[in-house]
Amino acid sequence: MKGDQCEFCEGEMKQRRVLARFRFNGQTIYVENVPAWVCNKCGEQYDTPPKSLP
């Protein structure tokens, strides 16, 4: 995704580690240090897809 643009504002995407929030069984769960691509202009986040197994 490096060099890609944000689909919302066309800002530059940078790889960062973020605090991710998930809903599970009616509860909110937070996970720290999740790799993601983040727009440097609007802050939109895109998850990094897991690497496939060999």
PDB file of N, CA and C in Angstrom:
ATOM      1  N   MET A   1       0.812  -1.189   0.000  1.00  0.00           N
ATOM      2  CA  MET A   1       0.000   0.000   0.000  1.00  0.00           C
ATOM      3  C   MET A   1       0.862   1.262   0.000  1.00  0.00           C
ATOM      4  N   LYS A   2       2.151   1.100   0.211  1.00  0.00           N
ATOM      5  CA  LYS A   2       3.034   2.255   0.226  1.00  0.00           C
ATOM      6  C   LYS A   2       2.915   2.997  -1.096  1.00  0.00           C
ATOM      7  N   GLY A   3       2.772   4.328  -0.996  1.00  0.00           N
ATOM      8  CA  GLY A   3       2.614   5.132  -2.189  1.00  0.00           C
ATOM      9  C   GLY A   3       1.168   5.268  -2.621  1.00  0.00           C
ATOM     10  N   ASP A   4       0.266   4.499  -1.999  1.00  0.00           N
ATOM     11  CA  ASP A   4      -1.153   4.598  -2.330  1.00  0.00           C
ATOM     12  C   ASP A   4      -1.750   5.844  -1.698  1.00  0.00           C
ATOM     13  N   GLN A   5      -2.901   6.234  -2.230  1.00  0.00           N
ATOM     14  CA  GLN A   5      -3.610   7.389  -1.709  1.00  0.00           C
ATOM     15  C   GLN A   5      -4.877   6.944  -0.997  1.00  0.00           C
ATOM     16  N   CYS A   6      -5.283   7.736  -0.020  1.00  0.00           N
ATOM     17  CA  CYS A   6      -6.527   7.494   0.709  1.00  0.00           C
ATOM     18  C   CYS A   6      -7.700   7.605  -0.255  1.00  0.00           C
ATOM     19  N   GLU A   7      -8.652   6.689  -0.158  1.00  0.00           N
ATOM     20  CA  GLU A   7      -9.796   6.726  -1.065  1.00  0.00           C
ATOM     21  C   GLU A   7     -10.779   7.835  -0.714  1.00  0.00           C
ATOM     22  N   PHE A   8     -10.634   8.465   0.460  1.00  0.00           N
ATOM     23  CA  PHE A   8     -11.550   9.526   0.869  1.00  0.00           C
ATOM     24  C   PHE A   8     -11.020  10.919   0.552  1.00  0.00           C
ATOM     25  N   CYS A   9      -9.727  11.164   0.819  1.00  0.00           N
ATOM     26  CA  CYS A   9      -9.198  12.526   0.659  1.00  0.00           C
ATOM     27  C   CYS A   9      -7.953  12.592  -0.220  1.00  0.00           C
ATOM     28  N   GLU A  10      -7.477  11.433  -0.692  1.00  0.00           N
ATOM     29  CA  GLU A  10      -6.287  11.327  -1.539  1.00  0.00           C
ATOM     30  C   GLU A  10      -4.991  11.697  -0.817  1.00  0.00           C
ATOM     31  N   GLY A  11      -5.010  11.646   0.530  1.00  0.00           N
ATOM     32  CA  GLY A  11      -3.792  11.846   1.309  1.00  0.00           C
ATOM     33  C   GLY A  11      -2.868  10.650   1.161  1.00  0.00           C
ATOM     34  N   GLU A  12      -1.633  10.794   1.625  1.00  0.00           N
ATOM     35  CA  GLU A  12      -0.647   9.713   1.522  1.00  0.00           C
ATOM     36  C   GLU A  12      -0.817   8.725   2.671  1.00  0.00           C
ATOM     37  N   MET A  13      -0.744   7.437   2.352  1.00  0.00           N
ATOM     38  CA  MET A  13      -0.876   6.386   3.355  1.00  0.00           C
ATOM     39  C   MET A  13       0.487   6.059   3.959  1.00  0.00           C
ATOM     40  N   LYS A  14       0.543   5.966   5.280  1.00  0.00           N
ATOM     41  CA  LYS A  14       1.768   5.616   6.005  1.00  0.00           C
ATOM     42  C   LYS A  14       1.461   4.417   6.902  1.00  0.00           C
ATOM     43  N   GLN A  15       2.413   3.506   7.016  1.00  0.00           N
ATOM     44  CA  GLN A  15       2.215   2.355   7.886  1.00  0.00           C
ATOM     45  C   GLN A  15       2.503   2.773   9.328  1.00  0.00           C
ATOM     46  N   ARG A  16       1.574   2.432  10.219  1.00  0.00           N
ATOM     47  CA  ARG A  16       1.678   2.778  11.637  1.00  0.00           C
ATOM     48  C   ARG A  16       1.152   1.617  12.471  1.00  0.00           C
ATOM     49  N   ARG A  17       1.381   1.696  13.762  1.00  0.00           N
ATOM     50  CA  ARG A  17       0.762   0.770  14.716  1.00  0.00           C
ATOM     51  C   ARG A  17      -0.303   1.557  15.467  1.00  0.00           C
ATOM     52  N   VAL A  18      -1.503   0.988  15.542  1.00  0.00           N
ATOM     53  CA  VAL A  18      -2.646   1.706  16.102  1.00  0.00           C
ATOM     54  C   VAL A  18      -3.320   0.898  17.211  1.00  0.00           C
ATOM     55  N   LEU A  19      -4.195   1.566  17.930  1.00  0.00           N
ATOM     56  CA  LEU A  19      -5.057   0.921  18.910  1.00  0.00           C
ATOM     57  C   LEU A  19      -6.340   0.547  18.172  1.00  0.00           C
ATOM     58  N   ALA A  20      -6.593  -0.740  18.021  1.00  0.00           N
ATOM     59  CA  ALA A  20      -7.763  -1.210  17.277  1.00  0.00           C
ATOM     60  C   ALA A  20      -8.904  -1.520  18.250  1.00  0.00           C
ATOM     61  N   ARG A  21     -10.126  -1.201  17.818  1.00  0.00           N
ATOM     62  CA  ARG A  21     -11.312  -1.440  18.642  1.00  0.00           C
ATOM     63  C   ARG A  21     -12.223  -2.417  17.912  1.00  0.00           C
ATOM     64  N   PHE A  22     -12.637  -3.465  18.616  1.00  0.00           N
ATOM     65  CA  PHE A  22     -13.519  -4.484  18.059  1.00  0.00           C
ATOM     66  C   PHE A  22     -14.714  -4.676  18.987  1.00  0.00           C
ATOM     67  N   ARG A  23     -15.844  -5.072  18.413  1.00  0.00           N
ATOM     68  CA  ARG A  23     -17.023  -5.434  19.204  1.00  0.00           C
ATOM     69  C   ARG A  23     -17.142  -6.956  19.184  1.00  0.00           C
ATOM     70  N   PHE A  24     -17.341  -7.558  20.365  1.00  0.00           N
ATOM     71  CA  PHE A  24     -17.473  -9.009  20.460  1.00  0.00           C
ATOM     72  C   PHE A  24     -18.433  -9.320  21.594  1.00  0.00           C
ATOM     73  N   ASN A  25     -19.496 -10.059  21.293  1.00  0.00           N
ATOM     74  CA  ASN A  25     -20.507 -10.437  22.283  1.00  0.00           C
ATOM     75  C   ASN A  25     -21.004  -9.236  23.091  1.00  0.00           C
ATOM     76  N   GLY A  26     -21.223  -8.112  22.403  1.00  0.00           N
ATOM     77  CA  GLY A  26     -21.756  -6.928  23.051  1.00  0.00           C
ATOM     78  C   GLY A  26     -20.744  -6.131  23.861  1.00  0.00           C
ATOM     79  N   GLN A  27     -19.476  -6.510  23.812  1.00  0.00           N
ATOM     80  CA  GLN A  27     -18.442  -5.793  24.551  1.00  0.00           C
ATOM     81  C   GLN A  27     -17.440  -5.186  23.572  1.00  0.00           C
ATOM     82  N   THR A  28     -16.810  -4.101  24.003  1.00  0.00           N
ATOM     83  CA  THR A  28     -15.759  -3.473  23.210  1.00  0.00           C
ATOM     84  C   THR A  28     -14.412  -3.981  23.683  1.00  0.00           C
ATOM     85  N   ILE A  29     -13.607  -4.457  22.741  1.00  0.00           N
ATOM     86  CA  ILE A  29     -12.275  -4.982  23.043  1.00  0.00           C
ATOM     87  C   ILE A  29     -11.252  -4.119  22.327  1.00  0.00           C
ATOM     88  N   TYR A  30     -10.206  -3.711  23.047  1.00  0.00           N
ATOM     89  CA  TYR A  30      -9.126  -2.901  22.470  1.00  0.00           C
ATOM     90  C   TYR A  30      -7.866  -3.741  22.349  1.00  0.00           C
ATOM     91  N   VAL A  31      -7.186  -3.631  21.216  1.00  0.00           N
ATOM     92  CA  VAL A  31      -5.935  -4.348  20.980  1.00  0.00           C
ATOM     93  C   VAL A  31      -4.880  -3.315  20.585  1.00  0.00           C
ATOM     94  N   GLU A  32      -3.771  -3.283  21.315  1.00  0.00           N
ATOM     95  CA  GLU A  32      -2.703  -2.318  21.042  1.00  0.00           C
ATOM     96  C   GLU A  32      -1.732  -2.840  19.993  1.00  0.00           C
ATOM     97  N   ASN A  33      -1.039  -1.917  19.358  1.00  0.00           N
ATOM     98  CA  ASN A  33       0.046  -2.215  18.411  1.00  0.00           C
ATOM     99  C   ASN A  33      -0.386  -3.033  17.199  1.00  0.00           C
ATOM    100  N   VAL A  34      -1.556  -2.750  16.665  1.00  0.00           N
ATOM    101  CA  VAL A  34      -2.049  -3.439  15.472  1.00  0.00           C
ATOM    102  C   VAL A  34      -1.501  -2.705  14.241  1.00  0.00           C
ATOM    103  N   PRO A  35      -0.813  -3.405  13.315  1.00  0.00           N
ATOM    104  CA  PRO A  35      -0.301  -2.726  12.124  1.00  0.00           C
ATOM    105  C   PRO A  35      -1.452  -2.289  11.215  1.00  0.00           C
ATOM    106  N   ALA A  36      -1.358  -1.052  10.729  1.00  0.00           N
ATOM    107  CA  ALA A  36      -2.393  -0.516   9.842  1.00  0.00           C
ATOM    108  C   ALA A  36      -1.771   0.551   8.952  1.00  0.00           C
ATOM    109  N   TRP A  37      -2.470   0.870   7.871  1.00  0.00           N
ATOM    110  CA  TRP A  37      -2.096   1.987   7.014  1.00  0.00           C
ATOM    111  C   TRP A  37      -2.995   3.147   7.402  1.00  0.00           C
ATOM    112  N   VAL A  38      -2.383   4.310   7.674  1.00  0.00           N
ATOM    113  CA  VAL A  38      -3.120   5.472   8.155  1.00  0.00           C
ATOM    114  C   VAL A  38      -2.874   6.652   7.218  1.00  0.00           C
ATOM    115  N   CYS A  39      -3.948   7.346   6.848  1.00  0.00           N
ATOM    116  CA  CYS A  39      -3.835   8.519   5.989  1.00  0.00           C
ATOM    117  C   CYS A  39      -3.232   9.675   6.790  1.00  0.00           C
ATOM    118  N   ASN A  40      -2.202  10.313   6.215  1.00  0.00           N
ATOM    119  CA  ASN A  40      -1.551  11.415   6.924  1.00  0.00           C
ATOM    120  C   ASN A  40      -2.364  12.708   6.854  1.00  0.00           C
ATOM    121  N   LYS A  41      -3.447  12.699   6.083  1.00  0.00           N
ATOM    122  CA  LYS A  41      -4.259  13.905   5.925  1.00  0.00           C
ATOM    123  C   LYS A  41      -5.550  13.840   6.761  1.00  0.00           C
ATOM    124  N   CYS A  42      -6.324  12.751   6.630  1.00  0.00           N
ATOM    125  CA  CYS A  42      -7.617  12.673   7.332  1.00  0.00           C
ATOM    126  C   CYS A  42      -7.629  11.655   8.467  1.00  0.00           C
ATOM    127  N   GLY A  43      -6.598  10.781   8.546  1.00  0.00           N
ATOM    128  CA  GLY A  43      -6.520   9.811   9.638  1.00  0.00           C
ATOM    129  C   GLY A  43      -7.276   8.513   9.406  1.00  0.00           C
ATOM    130  N   GLU A  44      -7.881   8.354   8.229  1.00  0.00           N
ATOM    131  CA  GLU A  44      -8.577   7.097   7.912  1.00  0.00           C
ATOM    132  C   GLU A  44      -7.602   5.931   8.038  1.00  0.00           C
ATOM    133  N   GLN A  45      -8.090   4.813   8.622  1.00  0.00           N
ATOM    134  CA  GLN A  45      -7.227   3.648   8.846  1.00  0.00           C
ATOM    135  C   GLN A  45      -7.672   2.471   7.997  1.00  0.00           C
ATOM    136  N   TYR A  46      -6.683   1.744   7.478  1.00  0.00           N
ATOM    137  CA  TYR A  46      -6.919   0.519   6.720  1.00  0.00           C
ATOM    138  C   TYR A  46      -6.106  -0.582   7.381  1.00  0.00           C
ATOM    139  N   ASP A  47      -6.758  -1.683   7.690  1.00  0.00           N
ATOM    140  CA  ASP A  47      -6.051  -2.803   8.309  1.00  0.00           C
ATOM    141  C   ASP A  47      -5.041  -3.398   7.345  1.00  0.00           C
ATOM    142  N   THR A  48      -3.944  -3.892   7.901  1.00  0.00           N
ATOM    143  CA  THR A  48      -2.962  -4.617   7.116  1.00  0.00           C
ATOM    144  C   THR A  48      -3.440  -6.063   7.023  1.00  0.00           C
ATOM    145  N   PRO A  49      -3.617  -6.602   5.825  1.00  0.00           N
ATOM    146  CA  PRO A  49      -4.082  -7.977   5.722  1.00  0.00           C
ATOM    147  C   PRO A  49      -3.036  -8.947   6.245  1.00  0.00           C
ATOM    148  N   PRO A  50      -3.483 -10.059   6.841  1.00  0.00           N
ATOM    149  CA  PRO A  50      -2.524 -11.050   7.332  1.00  0.00           C
ATOM    150  C   PRO A  50      -1.722 -11.648   6.187  1.00  0.00           C
ATOM    151  N   LYS A  51      -0.507 -12.033   6.451  1.00  0.00           N
ATOM    152  CA  LYS A  51       0.333 -12.666   5.438  1.00  0.00           C
ATOM    153  C   LYS A  51      -0.135 -14.096   5.242  1.00  0.00           C
ATOM    154  N   SER A  52      -0.138 -14.537   4.013  1.00  0.00           N
ATOM    155  CA  SER A  52      -0.567 -15.910   3.740  1.00  0.00           C
ATOM    156  C   SER A  52       0.525 -16.887   4.159  1.00  0.00           C
ATOM    157  N   LEU A  53       0.093 -18.063   4.523  1.00  0.00           N
ATOM    158  CA  LEU A  53       1.040 -19.108   4.926  1.00  0.00           C
ATOM    159  C   LEU A  53       1.644 -19.755   3.700  1.00  0.00           C
ATOM    160  N   PRO A  54       2.908 -20.177   3.798  1.00  0.00           N
ATOM    161  CA  PRO A  54       3.550 -20.818   2.641  1.00  0.00           C
ATOM    162  C   PRO A  54       2.944 -22.152   2.312  1.00  0.00           C
TER     163      PRO A  54
END
